[in-house]
Amino acid sequence: MGAVTQFDVDCRRCPRLAGYLADLKVAHPDYWNCPVPAFGAEQPAMLIVGLAPGRHGANATGRPFTGDYAGILLYQTLFDLGLATAPVSESADDNLRLTACRITNAVKCLPPQNKPTTEEVTTCNAYLRAEIDACQSVSVIVALGAIAHRAVLKALTLKLSAYPFAHGAVHTLNDRLSLVDSYHCSRYNTQTRRLTPAMFRAALGCAKELAGITR
């Protein structure tokens, strides 16, 4: 299997995920049903890494966190912090723009039950590594959840045990990059109040400050 150098909308490296998307193309022919590309500034100061596309969210719209519940809090918070031009991401062809930040996922394809296997996360990690390498302007990465946290560390070939995941934790990874952890802004986490809007804003606000974003 060759080295990955950039995002590939035609990637079918994970048989289970490729088969799942093929089935969904039959059930939902109007959906995106392909690997979902990153969205945001081309040379951002901050990179936000989620888990994977949602079935009726990013897998439908083709934009990360767009059309699903998790995106409600994410885009509202980015707007409140001056990092998005609108508080709601409605579709991939609306006029919303991100300022100084970019959103991607640890796994680019929708996994069944929103649970990628370890092998799938590992296979897709090459794309995340390529994204981080390509964005030399990034100084802060935000990991939404433990799987994204581990994916970032793996992409940078860092020891997982040296950087334990905890909401609000800030890790210095090297002389260029810091990692800020947050619980994922999923429906479960927000409805159970494991993650509140104030907690989420504090984590992203910390990342914005660390990245030196002043707007």
Protein backbone atom coordinates (compact mmCIF):
# COMPACT_ATOMS: atom_id res chain seq x y z
CA MET A 1 0.00 0.00 0.00
CA GLY A 2 1.56 3.28 -1.09
CA ALA A 3 2.19 6.30 1.06
CA VAL A 4 -0.63 8.79 1.46
CA THR A 5 0.24 12.35 0.51
CA GLN A 6 -3.17 14.03 0.43
CA PHE A 7 -6.88 13.54 1.02
CA ASP A 8 -8.52 11.19 -1.49
CA VAL A 9 -12.28 11.34 -1.96
CA ASP A 10 -12.05 8.02 -3.81
CA CYS A 11 -10.20 6.21 -1.02
CA ARG A 12 -11.48 2.68 -0.40
CA ARG A 13 -8.62 1.42 1.80
CA CYS A 14 -10.96 0.08 4.53
CA PRO A 15 -13.18 -2.71 3.12
CA ARG A 16 -15.83 -2.53 5.87
CA LEU A 17 -16.24 1.23 5.50
CA ALA A 18 -16.23 1.08 1.70
CA GLY A 19 -18.94 -1.56 1.77
CA TYR A 20 -21.00 0.43 4.24
CA LEU A 21 -20.83 3.56 2.07
CA ALA A 22 -21.76 1.52 -1.00
CA ASP A 23 -24.89 0.30 0.80
CA LEU A 24 -25.76 3.83 1.87
CA LYS A 25 -25.48 5.06 -1.70
CA VAL A 26 -28.38 2.75 -2.49
CA ALA A 27 -30.40 3.80 0.57
CA HIS A 28 -29.53 7.52 0.32
CA PRO A 29 -28.41 8.31 -3.24
CA ASP A 30 -28.56 12.05 -2.54
CA TYR A 31 -26.01 11.84 0.30
CA TRP A 32 -22.28 12.53 -0.04
CA ASN A 33 -21.42 8.91 0.90
CA CYS A 34 -17.65 9.33 0.41
CA PRO A 35 -14.66 10.26 2.56
CA VAL A 36 -15.31 13.74 3.95
CA PRO A 37 -12.66 16.41 3.33
CA ALA A 38 -11.45 18.93 5.89
CA PHE A 39 -13.14 22.34 5.99
CA GLY A 40 -11.80 25.76 6.85
CA ALA A 41 -8.84 28.05 6.35
CA GLU A 42 -6.16 26.66 4.02
CA GLN A 43 -3.33 27.74 6.33
CA PRO A 44 -4.96 27.80 9.78
CA ALA A 45 -3.41 28.52 13.14
CA MET A 46 -5.68 25.94 14.79
CA LEU A 47 -6.72 22.47 13.61
CA ILE A 48 -9.77 20.80 15.17
CA VAL A 49 -9.86 17.00 14.93
CA GLY A 50 -13.13 15.12 15.46
CA LEU A 51 -13.88 11.41 15.34
CA ALA A 52 -15.71 10.59 12.09
CA PRO A 53 -18.59 11.82 9.90
CA GLY A 54 -22.12 11.37 11.21
CA ARG A 55 -24.54 9.26 9.16
CA HIS A 56 -27.08 12.00 8.55
CA GLY A 57 -24.58 14.81 9.13
CA ALA A 58 -21.23 15.07 7.36
CA ASN A 59 -21.84 11.83 5.46
CA ALA A 60 -24.91 13.49 3.98
CA THR A 61 -23.55 17.00 3.47
CA GLY A 62 -19.86 16.40 2.74
CA ARG A 63 -18.71 18.95 5.36
CA PRO A 64 -17.43 18.03 8.86
CA PHE A 65 -20.00 18.46 11.66
CA THR A 66 -22.63 19.80 9.26
CA GLY A 67 -26.17 18.48 9.52
CA ASP A 68 -25.72 16.56 12.77
CA TYR A 69 -26.26 17.35 16.44
CA ALA A 70 -22.57 17.63 17.32
CA GLY A 71 -22.16 20.49 14.90
CA ILE A 72 -24.69 22.66 16.72
CA LEU A 73 -22.41 23.38 19.67
CA LEU A 74 -19.21 23.36 17.61
CA TYR A 75 -20.20 25.98 15.07
CA GLN A 76 -22.01 28.15 17.62
CA THR A 77 -18.89 28.17 19.78
CA LEU A 78 -16.62 28.95 16.84
CA PHE A 79 -18.93 31.83 15.92
CA ASP A 80 -18.95 33.13 19.49
CA LEU A 81 -15.14 33.08 19.47
CA GLY A 82 -14.95 34.94 16.16
CA LEU A 83 -13.69 31.89 14.27
CA ALA A 84 -16.77 31.35 12.05
CA THR A 85 -18.82 33.78 10.02
CA ALA A 86 -22.14 32.19 11.05
CA PRO A 87 -23.39 30.23 14.08
CA VAL A 88 -24.97 27.42 12.06
CA SER A 89 -23.43 25.24 9.35
CA GLU A 90 -26.34 24.30 7.11
CA SER A 91 -24.74 22.77 4.02
CA ALA A 92 -21.45 22.48 2.18
CA ASP A 93 -22.51 25.23 -0.23
CA ASP A 94 -23.69 27.84 2.26
CA ASN A 95 -21.63 30.99 2.80
CA LEU A 96 -20.16 30.03 6.17
CA ARG A 97 -16.40 30.49 6.42
CA LEU A 98 -13.91 29.66 9.15
CA THR A 99 -11.23 32.12 10.20
CA ALA A 100 -7.77 30.89 11.20
CA CYS A 101 -9.04 27.39 11.96
CA ARG A 102 -9.80 24.17 10.12
CA ILE A 103 -11.89 21.09 10.97
CA THR A 104 -11.11 17.50 10.05
CA ASN A 105 -11.73 13.99 11.42
CA ALA A 106 -9.54 11.15 12.61
CA VAL A 107 -11.53 8.84 10.30
CA LYS A 108 -12.74 10.33 7.02
CA CYS A 109 -15.50 7.80 6.30
CA LEU A 110 -18.69 7.08 8.21
CA PRO A 111 -18.26 3.93 10.35
CA PRO A 112 -21.20 1.69 11.32
CA GLN A 113 -22.63 2.75 14.71
CA ASN A 114 -20.12 5.60 14.60
CA LYS A 115 -17.48 3.18 15.91
CA PRO A 116 -14.40 2.76 13.71
CA THR A 117 -12.19 -0.23 14.41
CA THR A 118 -8.63 0.22 15.62
CA GLU A 119 -7.42 -0.92 12.21
CA GLU A 120 -9.59 1.67 10.44
CA VAL A 121 -8.31 4.48 12.66
CA THR A 122 -4.76 3.33 11.96
CA THR A 123 -5.32 3.11 8.20
CA CYS A 124 -6.85 6.58 8.03
CA ASN A 125 -4.14 8.03 10.25
CA ALA A 126 -1.91 8.51 7.22
CA TYR A 127 -4.35 11.14 5.94
CA LEU A 128 -4.35 12.98 9.26
CA ARG A 129 -0.55 12.91 9.28
CA ALA A 130 -0.51 14.38 5.77
CA GLU A 131 -2.94 17.12 6.83
CA ILE A 132 -0.83 18.10 9.83
CA ASP A 133 2.31 18.10 7.70
CA ALA A 134 0.64 20.24 5.04
CA CYS A 135 -0.58 22.83 7.56
CA GLN A 136 2.74 24.23 8.73
CA SER A 137 0.87 27.31 10.00
CA VAL A 138 -0.89 25.24 12.68
CA SER A 139 0.42 25.74 16.20
CA VAL A 140 -2.49 24.25 18.15
CA ILE A 141 -4.48 21.08 17.56
CA VAL A 142 -7.79 20.52 19.35
CA ALA A 143 -8.76 16.87 19.87
CA LEU A 144 -12.48 16.26 20.31
CA GLY A 145 -12.53 13.05 22.33
CA ALA A 146 -10.06 10.35 23.25
CA ILE A 147 -9.98 8.66 19.84
CA ALA A 148 -9.08 11.92 18.11
CA HIS A 149 -6.50 12.58 20.84
CA ARG A 150 -4.82 9.23 20.23
CA ALA A 151 -4.99 9.70 16.45
CA VAL A 152 -3.15 13.01 16.69
CA LEU A 153 -0.41 11.49 18.83
CA LYS A 154 -0.09 8.55 16.46
CA ALA A 155 0.15 10.87 13.46
CA LEU A 156 3.03 12.63 15.17
CA THR A 157 4.62 9.33 16.30
CA LEU A 158 4.38 10.32 19.96
CA LYS A 159 3.91 8.02 22.96
CA LEU A 160 0.27 7.81 24.06
CA SER A 161 1.24 7.28 27.69
CA ALA A 162 3.16 10.55 27.78
CA TYR A 163 0.06 12.63 27.01
CA PRO A 164 -3.03 11.38 28.90
CA PHE A 165 -6.40 12.56 27.63
CA ALA A 166 -8.44 14.82 29.91
CA HIS A 167 -10.95 17.52 29.12
CA GLY A 168 -9.22 20.87 29.17
CA ALA A 169 -5.73 19.37 29.24
CA VAL A 170 -3.01 21.23 27.36
CA HIS A 171 -0.01 19.28 26.08
CA THR A 172 3.18 20.64 24.55
CA LEU A 173 3.97 18.15 21.79
CA ASN A 174 7.06 19.69 20.24
CA ASP A 175 8.59 23.10 19.54
CA ARG A 176 5.75 23.92 17.11
CA LEU A 177 2.62 22.18 18.28
CA SER A 178 0.40 22.14 21.36
CA LEU A 179 -2.58 19.83 21.86
CA VAL A 180 -5.76 20.89 23.66
CA ASP A 181 -8.19 18.15 24.70
CA SER A 182 -11.96 18.42 24.89
CA TYR A 183 -14.76 15.96 25.35
CA HIS A 184 -16.48 15.39 22.03
CA CYS A 185 -19.47 17.69 21.45
CA SER A 186 -21.74 14.70 20.83
CA ARG A 187 -25.43 14.54 21.66
CA TYR A 188 -24.71 12.11 24.51
CA ASN A 189 -22.03 14.30 26.11
CA THR A 190 -24.03 17.50 25.86
CA GLN A 191 -27.37 16.06 26.94
CA THR A 192 -25.85 14.31 29.97
CA ARG A 193 -24.01 17.56 30.80
CA ARG A 194 -20.68 15.79 30.74
CA LEU A 195 -19.81 18.63 28.38
CA THR A 196 -21.48 22.00 28.89
CA PRO A 197 -21.33 24.95 26.49
CA ALA A 198 -19.17 26.80 29.02
CA MET A 199 -16.72 23.90 29.25
CA PHE A 200 -16.49 23.66 25.49
CA ARG A 201 -16.02 27.38 25.02
CA ALA A 202 -13.27 27.38 27.65
CA ALA A 203 -11.37 24.60 25.85
CA LEU A 204 -11.67 26.19 22.41
CA GLY A 205 -10.98 29.63 23.85
CA CYS A 206 -7.79 28.30 25.40
CA ALA A 207 -6.76 26.85 22.03
CA LYS A 208 -7.48 30.14 20.29
CA GLU A 209 -5.34 32.04 22.79
CA LEU A 210 -2.49 29.55 22.52
CA ALA A 211 -2.62 29.81 18.74
CA GLY A 212 -2.27 33.59 18.97
CA ILE A 213 -5.53 34.25 17.13
CA THR A 214 -6.47 37.82 18.07
CA ARG A 215 -9.46 38.48 15.81
